[in-house]
Amino acid sequence: MTQISRASADPNFEQKCSVRPVGIRIGAEVSGLDLRNGIGPRFIDQIQEALLKHQVLSFPDQLLSPREMLEIAKMFGKPEVNPIWAGMREIPQIVRISRRAGESDPLSSKPRTASSYFSRPSKILLAYTDDDVAHSDLIFASLTEAWKGLSKQMQEFLETLTAVHCAATDYDPENHDAARHFEGRSDSPLVYSDAIYERTEHPVVHTHNDTGKRSLFVNQTFTESIKGLQEEESQMLLSFLFRHSSKPEYGCRIVAHPKTLTIWDNRATTHMITDYEMEKSRLLYVVGIGSEEGLNASPNWPPNSKFTV
């Protein structure tokens, strides 16, 4: 177990907070910190540095209301209102991702990068498991580590490519699995929106704006095709990248104990929900933090980067 430390750190931070890795290369559990109290700018900077280093952080034993979760989210940037998922009536930035006991939820069971179908995907996501109705885990994969695991020849080829992303691959109302979310037969309602059918192009490889690290940017749920390749070529390449990025050594599993807040870097990871007790319900509160800029295809690190990890 290691402590987060930094020359400019809050002098009480190391006494309050420790970090335990949960994956081989990514993921960490942060304990000893009450996110509702005493979180100043220096604490937030250190949490953000830890997030950029580990890509996924879990904070157990956090007693949060949706309103308190929103206030914590604001410390990391501007919370978004998702035009496809219906937010809570009183707090539209927060989406309830729920599954009733005995139901399946195919929309959450494939690796995804949230809002990759937008020109500026969410930079950070926060998810909170409430009360005793978790009964599922969050599984993450690092697209940064997946990139590092490729041969130099493959990396050079991928750097020339652009991928097409679209929400309709999963959220099309004509899709049987999605239909019940529109028809009100689900506790996690989708909203009819033109955004579902819009296609967005992103580089297959990008440079993280805060770390300067190269990373893949494709995901099994929303990446539709590779621009300029024939359909068969595109699907073969994407299938390879999906299999490659899902290798266990690139990922981590966050056990969704009740009252756990999980925060992850959406620009460098994929995530999925796994249900292991289908006879019990599941409830997550999720909020995304908007990005002010699109992905950087250049291998050069932006000069305005805030953190060094």
Protein backbone atom coordinates (compact mmCIF):
# COMPACT_ATOMS: atom_id res chain seq x y z
CA MET A 1 0.00 0.00 0.00
CA THR A 2 1.39 3.39 -0.93
CA GLN A 3 0.59 6.93 0.01
CA ILE A 4 -0.22 9.68 -2.48
CA SER A 5 2.43 12.32 -2.01
CA ARG A 6 3.45 15.57 -3.65
CA ALA A 7 5.55 18.54 -2.63
CA SER A 8 2.53 20.83 -2.75
CA ALA A 9 0.30 18.37 -0.94
CA ASP A 10 -2.05 19.25 1.85
CA PRO A 11 -0.03 18.38 4.99
CA ASN A 12 -2.90 16.25 6.32
CA PHE A 13 -3.53 14.35 3.09
CA GLU A 14 -1.07 11.51 3.67
CA GLN A 15 -2.48 10.90 7.14
CA LYS A 16 -6.02 10.74 5.80
CA CYS A 17 -5.66 8.82 2.57
CA SER A 18 -3.91 5.71 1.28
CA VAL A 19 -4.01 3.98 -2.09
CA ARG A 20 -4.08 0.22 -2.73
CA PRO A 21 -3.68 -1.08 -6.30
CA VAL A 22 -6.50 -3.41 -7.39
CA GLY A 23 -5.25 -4.40 -10.85
CA ILE A 24 -1.97 -5.45 -12.39
CA ARG A 25 -1.50 -2.16 -14.23
CA ILE A 26 -4.53 0.01 -13.53
CA GLY A 27 -7.02 0.66 -10.75
CA ALA A 28 -6.66 1.61 -7.10
CA GLU A 29 -8.78 1.78 -3.97
CA VAL A 30 -8.54 5.00 -1.99
CA SER A 31 -9.40 4.61 1.68
CA GLY A 32 -9.51 6.86 4.69
CA LEU A 33 -11.08 9.82 2.93
CA ASP A 34 -14.58 11.24 3.38
CA LEU A 35 -15.37 12.96 0.10
CA ARG A 36 -18.19 14.96 1.66
CA ASN A 37 -15.94 16.79 4.09
CA GLY A 38 -12.66 18.63 3.90
CA ILE A 39 -11.94 18.22 0.19
CA GLY A 40 -10.11 21.35 -0.87
CA PRO A 41 -8.33 22.23 -4.14
CA ARG A 42 -5.10 20.49 -3.11
CA PHE A 43 -6.97 17.31 -2.29
CA ILE A 44 -8.72 17.44 -5.65
CA ASP A 45 -5.43 17.99 -7.48
CA GLN A 46 -3.95 14.95 -5.76
CA ILE A 47 -6.99 12.82 -6.48
CA GLN A 48 -6.81 13.87 -10.11
CA GLU A 49 -3.12 12.98 -10.26
CA ALA A 50 -3.91 9.58 -8.76
CA LEU A 51 -6.71 9.17 -11.30
CA LEU A 52 -4.41 9.95 -14.21
CA LYS A 53 -1.86 7.48 -12.86
CA HIS A 54 -4.25 4.61 -12.05
CA GLN A 55 -7.06 5.53 -14.50
CA VAL A 56 -9.67 4.03 -12.13
CA LEU A 57 -10.19 4.92 -8.46
CA SER A 58 -12.70 3.48 -6.02
CA PHE A 59 -13.65 5.17 -2.75
CA PRO A 60 -15.39 2.77 -0.34
CA ASP A 61 -17.63 3.77 2.56
CA GLN A 62 -18.93 7.02 1.08
CA LEU A 63 -22.36 8.03 2.37
CA LEU A 64 -23.60 10.19 -0.49
CA SER A 65 -26.93 11.53 -1.62
CA PRO A 66 -27.37 12.24 -5.36
CA ARG A 67 -27.02 15.94 -4.60
CA GLU A 68 -23.76 15.37 -2.73
CA MET A 69 -22.50 13.21 -5.59
CA LEU A 70 -23.18 16.07 -7.98
CA GLU A 71 -21.22 18.49 -5.79
CA ILE A 72 -18.26 16.09 -5.78
CA ALA A 73 -18.50 15.75 -9.56
CA LYS A 74 -18.28 19.53 -9.93
CA MET A 75 -14.84 19.41 -8.33
CA PHE A 76 -13.57 17.58 -11.43
CA GLY A 77 -15.23 19.79 -14.05
CA LYS A 78 -18.65 20.59 -15.44
CA PRO A 79 -21.21 17.75 -15.09
CA GLU A 80 -23.00 16.94 -18.34
CA VAL A 81 -26.64 16.41 -19.18
CA ASN A 82 -26.75 13.36 -21.45
CA PRO A 83 -29.20 13.87 -24.36
CA ILE A 84 -29.78 10.12 -24.72
CA TRP A 85 -30.09 8.87 -21.14
CA ALA A 86 -32.79 10.56 -19.07
CA GLY A 87 -31.35 12.13 -15.94
CA MET A 88 -33.10 12.42 -12.61
CA ARG A 89 -35.91 14.95 -12.70
CA GLU A 90 -34.47 17.08 -9.92
CA ILE A 91 -30.80 16.51 -10.92
CA PRO A 92 -30.70 15.99 -14.71
CA GLN A 93 -26.92 15.52 -14.77
CA ILE A 94 -27.24 12.26 -12.81
CA VAL A 95 -28.51 9.12 -14.51
CA ARG A 96 -29.94 6.15 -12.59
CA ILE A 97 -28.63 2.93 -14.15
CA SER A 98 -30.84 0.26 -12.66
CA ARG A 99 -31.90 -3.30 -13.30
CA ARG A 100 -34.89 -4.92 -11.65
CA ALA A 101 -34.52 -8.30 -9.99
CA GLY A 102 -34.65 -11.12 -12.50
CA GLU A 103 -34.03 -8.92 -15.54
CA SER A 104 -31.02 -8.88 -17.83
CA ASP A 105 -29.42 -5.69 -19.10
CA PRO A 106 -27.57 -6.26 -22.38
CA LEU A 107 -27.00 -2.51 -22.80
CA SER A 108 -24.54 -2.48 -19.89
CA SER A 109 -22.80 -5.80 -20.49
CA LYS A 110 -20.39 -4.85 -23.30
CA PRO A 111 -17.18 -2.81 -22.96
CA ARG A 112 -17.78 0.82 -23.81
CA THR A 113 -16.28 4.27 -23.62
CA ALA A 114 -19.07 6.59 -22.56
CA SER A 115 -20.26 9.10 -25.17
CA SER A 116 -17.56 8.16 -27.68
CA TYR A 117 -20.30 8.92 -30.21
CA PHE A 118 -19.94 12.64 -29.42
CA SER A 119 -17.24 14.92 -30.83
CA ARG A 120 -16.07 15.66 -27.29
CA PRO A 121 -16.50 12.50 -25.21
CA SER A 122 -16.82 12.76 -21.43
CA LYS A 123 -13.41 13.05 -19.83
CA ILE A 124 -14.32 11.57 -16.44
CA LEU A 125 -17.17 9.41 -15.15
CA LEU A 126 -18.35 8.88 -11.59
CA ALA A 127 -20.57 5.98 -10.50
CA TYR A 128 -22.04 5.41 -7.05
CA THR A 129 -23.51 2.16 -5.77
CA ASP A 130 -26.33 2.85 -3.36
CA ASP A 131 -27.49 0.94 -0.28
CA ASP A 132 -27.50 -2.85 -0.59
CA VAL A 133 -28.62 -3.02 -4.23
CA ALA A 134 -25.26 -3.20 -5.98
CA HIS A 135 -24.99 -6.92 -6.86
CA SER A 136 -22.71 -6.14 -9.78
CA ASP A 137 -19.10 -5.21 -10.45
CA LEU A 138 -17.50 -2.68 -12.76
CA ILE A 139 -14.89 -4.10 -15.12
CA PHE A 140 -12.38 -1.75 -16.72
CA ALA A 141 -9.75 -2.04 -19.44
CA SER A 142 -6.91 0.39 -20.04
CA LEU A 143 -6.69 1.45 -23.67
CA THR A 144 -3.32 3.00 -22.82
CA GLU A 145 -1.91 -0.34 -21.72
CA ALA A 146 -3.54 -2.05 -24.71
CA TRP A 147 -1.76 0.41 -27.00
CA LYS A 148 1.59 -0.31 -25.34
CA GLY A 149 1.04 -4.03 -25.88
CA LEU A 150 0.91 -3.73 -29.68
CA SER A 151 3.84 -4.21 -32.03
CA LYS A 152 5.55 -1.12 -33.44
CA GLN A 153 4.35 -2.04 -36.93
CA MET A 154 0.73 -2.28 -35.77
CA GLN A 155 1.02 0.98 -33.86
CA GLU A 156 2.31 2.79 -36.94
CA PHE A 157 -0.56 1.42 -39.02
CA LEU A 158 -3.23 2.33 -36.47
CA GLU A 159 -1.92 5.89 -36.15
CA THR A 160 -3.04 6.53 -39.73
CA LEU A 161 -6.65 5.45 -39.13
CA THR A 162 -9.92 7.10 -38.14
CA ALA A 163 -12.86 5.28 -36.55
CA VAL A 164 -16.56 6.02 -36.86
CA HIS A 165 -18.63 5.98 -33.66
CA CYS A 166 -22.43 5.96 -33.38
CA ALA A 167 -24.84 5.54 -30.46
CA ALA A 168 -27.33 3.67 -32.66
CA THR A 169 -25.15 0.57 -32.54
CA ASP A 170 -26.57 0.05 -29.04
CA TYR A 171 -29.35 2.60 -28.51
CA ASP A 172 -31.39 2.34 -31.72
CA PRO A 173 -35.09 2.16 -30.67
CA GLU A 174 -35.51 -0.62 -33.23
CA ASN A 175 -33.05 -2.71 -31.23
CA HIS A 176 -34.98 -5.19 -29.09
CA ASP A 177 -32.68 -4.72 -26.09
CA ALA A 178 -32.94 -0.92 -26.27
CA ALA A 179 -36.68 -0.78 -26.99
CA ARG A 180 -37.79 -1.50 -23.44
CA HIS A 181 -35.73 1.45 -22.19
CA PHE A 182 -37.72 3.75 -24.49
CA GLU A 183 -41.08 2.13 -23.81
CA GLY A 184 -40.93 2.68 -20.07
CA ARG A 185 -40.41 -0.97 -19.16
CA SER A 186 -37.06 -0.14 -17.58
CA ASP A 187 -35.98 1.93 -14.59
CA SER A 188 -33.19 3.38 -16.78
CA PRO A 189 -35.08 5.31 -19.49
CA LEU A 190 -33.59 6.35 -22.82
CA VAL A 191 -34.73 9.50 -24.62
CA TYR A 192 -35.63 9.69 -28.31
CA SER A 193 -32.98 11.98 -29.79
CA ASP A 194 -31.38 12.68 -33.15
CA ALA A 195 -28.07 12.28 -31.33
CA ILE A 196 -28.62 8.52 -31.40
CA TYR A 197 -28.10 8.42 -35.15
CA GLU A 198 -25.30 10.96 -35.52
CA ARG A 199 -21.93 9.55 -36.55
CA THR A 200 -18.71 10.97 -35.14
CA GLU A 201 -15.15 10.37 -36.26
CA HIS A 202 -12.24 9.97 -33.85
CA PRO A 203 -8.62 8.96 -34.35
CA VAL A 204 -8.05 5.29 -33.57
CA VAL A 205 -5.06 6.46 -31.52
CA HIS A 206 -4.88 9.69 -29.55
CA THR A 207 -2.57 11.51 -27.16
CA HIS A 208 -4.09 12.09 -23.73
CA ASN A 209 -4.38 15.83 -23.15
CA ASP A 210 -3.34 15.58 -19.49
CA THR A 211 -0.71 12.82 -19.46
CA GLY A 212 0.76 12.87 -22.96
CA LYS A 213 0.36 9.10 -23.18
CA ARG A 214 -0.77 7.46 -26.40
CA SER A 215 -3.93 5.39 -26.21
CA LEU A 216 -6.33 3.48 -28.38
CA PHE A 217 -9.82 4.95 -28.74
CA VAL A 218 -12.12 2.18 -29.92
CA ASN A 219 -14.77 0.29 -27.99
CA GLN A 220 -16.96 -2.70 -28.66
CA THR A 221 -20.25 -0.88 -28.09
CA PHE A 222 -20.08 2.34 -30.10
CA THR A 223 -17.22 1.97 -32.61
CA GLU A 224 -18.97 1.16 -35.86
CA SER A 225 -16.23 0.98 -38.47
CA ILE A 226 -12.78 2.10 -39.61
CA LYS A 227 -12.96 4.86 -42.19
CA GLY A 228 -11.50 3.98 -45.58
CA LEU A 229 -11.39 0.22 -45.04
CA GLN A 230 -13.69 -2.29 -46.68
CA GLU A 231 -16.37 -3.60 -44.32
CA GLU A 232 -14.73 -6.99 -43.88
CA GLU A 233 -11.33 -5.41 -43.27
CA SER A 234 -12.83 -2.98 -40.78
CA GLN A 235 -14.62 -5.66 -38.80
CA MET A 236 -11.57 -7.93 -38.72
CA LEU A 237 -9.38 -5.13 -37.40
CA LEU A 238 -11.91 -3.97 -34.83
CA SER A 239 -12.50 -7.53 -33.63
CA PHE A 240 -8.77 -7.91 -33.08
CA LEU A 241 -8.53 -4.63 -31.17
CA PHE A 242 -11.54 -5.49 -29.00
CA ARG A 243 -10.04 -8.89 -28.10
CA HIS A 244 -6.62 -7.39 -27.52
CA SER A 245 -7.82 -4.59 -25.24
CA SER A 246 -9.89 -6.99 -23.13
CA LYS A 247 -6.86 -9.02 -21.98
CA PRO A 248 -6.93 -9.41 -18.18
CA GLU A 249 -3.51 -7.84 -17.72
CA TYR A 250 -4.82 -4.54 -19.08
CA GLY A 251 -7.79 -4.35 -16.74
CA CYS A 252 -9.17 -4.32 -13.23
CA ARG A 253 -12.40 -5.22 -11.48
CA ILE A 254 -14.05 -2.93 -8.95
CA VAL A 255 -16.26 -4.86 -6.57
CA ALA A 256 -19.36 -2.72 -6.20
CA HIS A 257 -19.81 -2.82 -2.46
CA PRO A 258 -22.63 -0.62 -1.19
CA LYS A 259 -21.66 3.02 -0.71
CA THR A 260 -18.71 2.87 -3.12
CA LEU A 261 -17.91 5.78 -5.42
CA THR A 262 -15.87 4.86 -8.50
CA ILE A 263 -14.20 7.49 -10.68
CA TRP A 264 -12.49 6.72 -13.97
CA ASP A 265 -10.70 8.39 -16.86
CA ASN A 266 -13.12 7.88 -19.72
CA ARG A 267 -10.60 9.01 -22.34
CA ALA A 268 -8.27 6.07 -21.71
CA THR A 269 -10.51 3.18 -20.63
CA THR A 270 -13.50 1.04 -21.42
CA HIS A 271 -15.95 -0.11 -18.78
CA MET A 272 -18.79 -2.57 -18.42
CA ILE A 273 -21.14 -3.78 -15.71
CA THR A 274 -21.30 -7.44 -14.79
CA ASP A 275 -24.27 -8.81 -12.86
CA TYR A 276 -23.59 -11.84 -10.71
CA GLU A 277 -26.84 -12.00 -8.75
CA MET A 278 -29.57 -11.76 -11.35
CA GLU A 279 -32.30 -12.44 -8.82
CA LYS A 280 -31.43 -9.20 -7.03
CA SER A 281 -31.81 -5.63 -8.26
CA ARG A 282 -28.98 -3.27 -9.15
CA LEU A 283 -28.76 0.51 -8.89
CA LEU A 284 -25.96 2.86 -9.89
CA TYR A 285 -25.93 6.63 -10.05
CA VAL A 286 -23.72 7.90 -12.88
CA VAL A 287 -22.55 11.37 -13.89
CA GLY A 288 -20.16 12.40 -16.66
CA ILE A 289 -17.75 15.33 -16.68
CA GLY A 290 -17.64 17.23 -19.95
CA SER A 291 -14.50 17.87 -21.95
CA GLU A 292 -13.68 21.26 -23.42
CA GLU A 293 -11.67 19.75 -26.25
CA GLY A 294 -11.75 16.84 -28.65
CA LEU A 295 -9.21 14.05 -28.95
CA ASN A 296 -5.65 14.88 -29.97
CA ALA A 297 -4.49 12.66 -32.84
CA SER A 298 -0.99 14.14 -32.84
CA PRO A 299 1.76 12.24 -30.99
CA ASN A 300 2.83 15.58 -29.50
CA TRP A 301 1.79 16.38 -25.95
CA PRO A 302 -0.26 19.61 -25.62
CA PRO A 303 1.75 22.37 -23.93
CA ASN A 304 -1.15 23.31 -21.62
CA SER A 305 -1.28 19.94 -19.85
CA LYS A 306 -1.89 20.37 -16.12
CA PHE A 307 -0.56 17.18 -14.58
CA THR A 308 2.57 15.10 -14.83
CA VAL A 309 2.31 11.38 -14.03
